Amino acid sequence: MADAARFKVQVFNQISANGLKQLPAERYKVGKDVAEPDAVLLRSADLHALELPASVLAVGRAGAGTNNIPVKALSARGVPVFNTPGANANAVKELVVAGMLIAARNLAPALAFVAALDTASPDLDKAVEDGKKAYAGYELAGQTLGIVGLGKIGCLVADAAIKLGMNVLGFDPEITVDAAWSLPAQVKKAASVVEVLRHSHFVSLHVPLVAATRDLVNADNIGQMRPGSVLLNFARDGVVSDAAVVAALARKHLAWYVCDFPSAALAGNERVVALPHLGASTREAEENCAVMVVAQVRDFLEHGNIANAVNFPAVAMARESAHRVAIANANVPNMLGQISTTMARAGLNIHNMVNKSRGEMAYTLVDVDSPVDAAALAGIAAIEGVLSVRYLPLRD
């Protein structure tokens, strides 16, 4: 296959080799310095300050969060932004369990105590025995864990906590059907965030950072937490007010804050355990995310199917023709009628069609019985509200 016929994929971060090898060399050109890419793959690289070329048809994030991607601007161009929800869920779950143990058993100050011991002292054993009394903790069994956000991660955390003998209280006003089926039956349902805060010894947050969740735990509600409770944030930095946490720790209402997001406001606080964004930093999670996002981007480039795009509806249609057209458009009335009419005028017979919408965005896949020329594509592109049009002939 000539190089011009290959899809070009630009990689911004170190993406697992097991993921990238799902892009066959005879069909894809992949690299950090690829010019005019058809797709972009990244992890934490910040795209807000970059001007992505007009050639970009898709952006794939090997992770769940997309705060580092200008989603709104890409939506206006008809470009889907893919992520990998659930691919790093087990890694985050294990870190949440570790965070609870760090807090319950006072492991951070205990480790600091041991590091400061004079190991050459003949009284080392006595120093250890005398000092350990200050770090006595408690067991997780019998404690109540409150979970805000019951997606894949929240469900796994709930299951792990129950197996450790904990009681679990959960809240998620937008829980999906799949998540509801995955949720252990022992989880007690809360009616609000405040109910979770009031009745839990530990509170773990698993929500995306959107306008409604910014400062979800704040100065107004952190006082509702039980005295001596532990707050864990392995979701996003902005869902907790650092100032509110620092104030609650200072008055000893909150015992510990365990998070994945160091900040100047939290630095040096002896009751804060801040990790360097380790939530998804395992070999397994990075590989899972890479394999998942590559598969999604490849299916989109080759067949127009969409799964796990944060700004597009999920659309999948089995191939029934070698000739397919993919159309992203504003979700407005009579769009399908205009597309069908334009195709008919171009002499194209529609074999199969699927159309779905999500908010202001709609997406249509059309299989037709004959090749589609540039004039027909231009006619569709000229329809008011159409954001992008692609012809996807089936490749050998």
Foldseek 3Di string as FASTA:
>chain_A
DDPVQAAEEAEDDDADPLLVVVRPPVRYDYYNPDPLGCEYEYEQAQCPPPDDDLNHQEYEYLADADPSPPQVVCVLLVYFYFFDPPLLLVLLLVVVVVLVCCQQQVVVVVVVLVVPDDPPDPCRVVCNVVPSVVRHGDALAAFEEEEEDQDNNNQSNQVVSVVSNYQYEYEDPDDDPVSVVSHDPRYHYDPDPLVSQQRGLEYEYADEDDPVQFQCPHLVRNLSHAQAGEYEYLHDDRNHDLVNVVVCVVVRRYQAYEYADDDPSCPPDSRYHYHPNCRRVDPSSSNSSSNVRSVQVVCCVQPNAHDRTPAWDGDDDDDPEQKKKKWKFFPDPCLVVQLVVLCVVVVWDWPDKDKDGDVGIIMMMTHTHDYDDPVSQVSSCPPPGISDMDIRGHDD
